[in-house]
Amino acid sequence: MHAFLRNLNSDRLLSALDDQGIPVRAEAFVMVSDCHVVVWDLVKAGYGIAMLPEVLWETTPGIEKVLPSLVSLKFPVWLVTRRELRASRRIRVVFDYLARALAGDGYAH
């Protein structure tokens, strides 16, 4: 049995795992944090497993995908800024780059 780590919103995670034939009860989560960075640090320290973006485990030595047959979850990402900031050339260049990268199937490298 694995020790699971999670963010505060576990209902969506439990539902997504159940949909893929992996029934996990809330009691299986041994640590909870509302900070993704904390969950990632706990994974790297070996405290348990968590659902995280693929780019993290793909680029971190010693971290591997625990359930390779598990289908990656898709979720919406919102890219927002204040109207005033979009008028700044520097901010606009970064904003446009991020928008193009997020619209693709992968991450910008």
Protein backbone atom coordinates (compact mmCIF):
# COMPACT_ATOMS: atom_id res chain seq x y z
CA MET A 1 0.00 0.00 0.00
CA HIS A 2 1.26 3.46 -0.89
CA ALA A 3 1.21 6.60 1.23
CA PHE A 4 -0.49 9.33 -0.78
CA LEU A 5 0.17 13.06 -0.51
CA ARG A 6 -2.34 15.60 -1.68
CA ASN A 7 -3.46 19.16 -1.88
CA LEU A 8 -6.54 20.27 -0.01
CA ASN A 9 -8.99 19.59 -2.85
CA SER A 10 -8.96 15.79 -2.79
CA ASP A 11 -12.52 15.19 -4.03
CA ARG A 12 -11.53 15.75 -7.67
CA LEU A 13 -8.42 13.61 -7.26
CA LEU A 14 -10.33 10.75 -5.64
CA SER A 15 -12.96 10.91 -8.37
CA ALA A 16 -10.35 10.92 -11.15
CA LEU A 17 -8.52 7.95 -9.66
CA ASP A 18 -11.79 6.06 -9.17
CA ASP A 19 -12.73 6.74 -12.80
CA GLN A 20 -9.50 5.00 -13.84
CA GLY A 21 -10.16 1.95 -11.68
CA ILE A 22 -7.98 3.00 -8.75
CA PRO A 23 -10.23 3.26 -5.71
CA VAL A 24 -8.46 5.31 -3.04
CA ARG A 25 -10.10 6.30 0.21
CA ALA A 26 -9.41 9.65 1.84
CA GLU A 27 -7.69 7.81 4.72
CA ALA A 28 -4.89 6.77 2.35
CA PHE A 29 -3.62 10.37 2.27
CA VAL A 30 -1.00 10.64 4.99
CA MET A 31 -0.10 14.31 4.48
CA VAL A 32 -2.07 17.25 3.18
CA SER A 33 -0.93 20.70 2.13
CA ASP A 34 -2.57 23.58 0.31
CA CYS A 35 0.79 24.34 -1.34
CA HIS A 36 1.86 22.40 -4.45
CA VAL A 37 5.51 23.17 -3.71
CA VAL A 38 5.25 21.54 -0.28
CA VAL A 39 3.65 18.42 -1.80
CA TRP A 40 6.43 18.25 -4.41
CA ASP A 41 9.10 18.61 -1.70
CA LEU A 42 7.46 15.80 0.29
CA VAL A 43 7.52 13.55 -2.78
CA LYS A 44 11.20 14.30 -3.38
CA ALA A 45 11.93 13.55 0.30
CA GLY A 46 10.28 10.14 -0.08
CA TYR A 47 7.23 10.64 2.13
CA GLY A 48 4.74 9.33 -0.43
CA ILE A 49 3.33 9.62 -3.92
CA ALA A 50 1.20 12.39 -5.42
CA MET A 51 -0.50 13.38 -8.65
CA LEU A 52 1.77 16.03 -10.15
CA PRO A 53 2.54 17.49 -13.58
CA GLU A 54 4.56 15.08 -15.71
CA VAL A 55 7.27 17.65 -16.35
CA LEU A 56 8.28 17.42 -12.68
CA TRP A 57 9.03 13.72 -12.52
CA GLU A 58 10.34 13.59 -16.08
CA THR A 59 13.05 16.13 -15.27
CA THR A 60 13.95 15.12 -11.71
CA PRO A 61 16.51 12.36 -11.19
CA GLY A 62 15.34 9.66 -8.80
CA ILE A 63 11.63 10.39 -9.27
CA GLU A 64 9.57 8.04 -11.41
CA LYS A 65 5.97 7.52 -12.41
CA VAL A 66 4.45 4.99 -10.01
CA LEU A 67 1.48 3.93 -12.15
CA PRO A 68 2.73 4.07 -15.76
CA SER A 69 -0.57 2.81 -17.17
CA LEU A 70 -2.50 5.65 -15.51
CA VAL A 71 -3.82 8.08 -18.09
CA SER A 72 -2.65 11.64 -17.53
CA LEU A 73 -5.38 13.94 -16.27
CA LYS A 74 -6.25 17.02 -18.29
CA PHE A 75 -7.44 20.17 -16.59
CA PRO A 76 -8.01 23.77 -17.62
CA VAL A 77 -5.33 26.37 -17.08
CA TRP A 78 -6.20 30.05 -16.92
CA LEU A 79 -3.67 32.69 -17.89
CA VAL A 80 -4.74 36.07 -16.58
CA THR A 81 -3.28 39.48 -15.97
CA ARG A 82 -4.59 42.92 -15.16
CA ARG A 83 -5.54 44.99 -18.18
CA GLU A 84 -2.94 47.62 -17.30
CA LEU A 85 -0.13 45.06 -17.34
CA ARG A 86 -1.07 43.77 -20.79
CA ALA A 87 -0.19 47.19 -22.17
CA SER A 88 3.42 46.82 -21.04
CA ARG A 89 5.59 45.53 -23.90
CA ARG A 90 7.69 43.33 -21.59
CA ILE A 91 4.67 41.79 -19.92
CA ARG A 92 2.93 41.35 -23.29
CA VAL A 93 5.89 39.40 -24.72
CA VAL A 94 5.93 37.03 -21.75
CA PHE A 95 2.13 36.75 -21.71
CA ASP A 96 2.01 35.89 -25.44
CA TYR A 97 4.80 33.32 -25.06
CA LEU A 98 3.00 31.63 -22.16
CA ALA A 99 -0.30 31.65 -24.06
CA ARG A 100 1.30 29.92 -27.06
CA ALA A 101 3.11 27.39 -24.87
CA LEU A 102 0.01 26.55 -22.84
CA ALA A 103 -2.12 26.19 -25.97
CA GLY A 104 0.17 23.39 -27.20
CA ASP A 105 0.28 19.81 -25.98
CA GLY A 106 3.48 20.24 -24.02
CA TYR A 107 5.47 22.64 -21.99
CA ALA A 108 7.69 25.36 -23.34
CA HIS A 109 11.35 24.52 -22.83
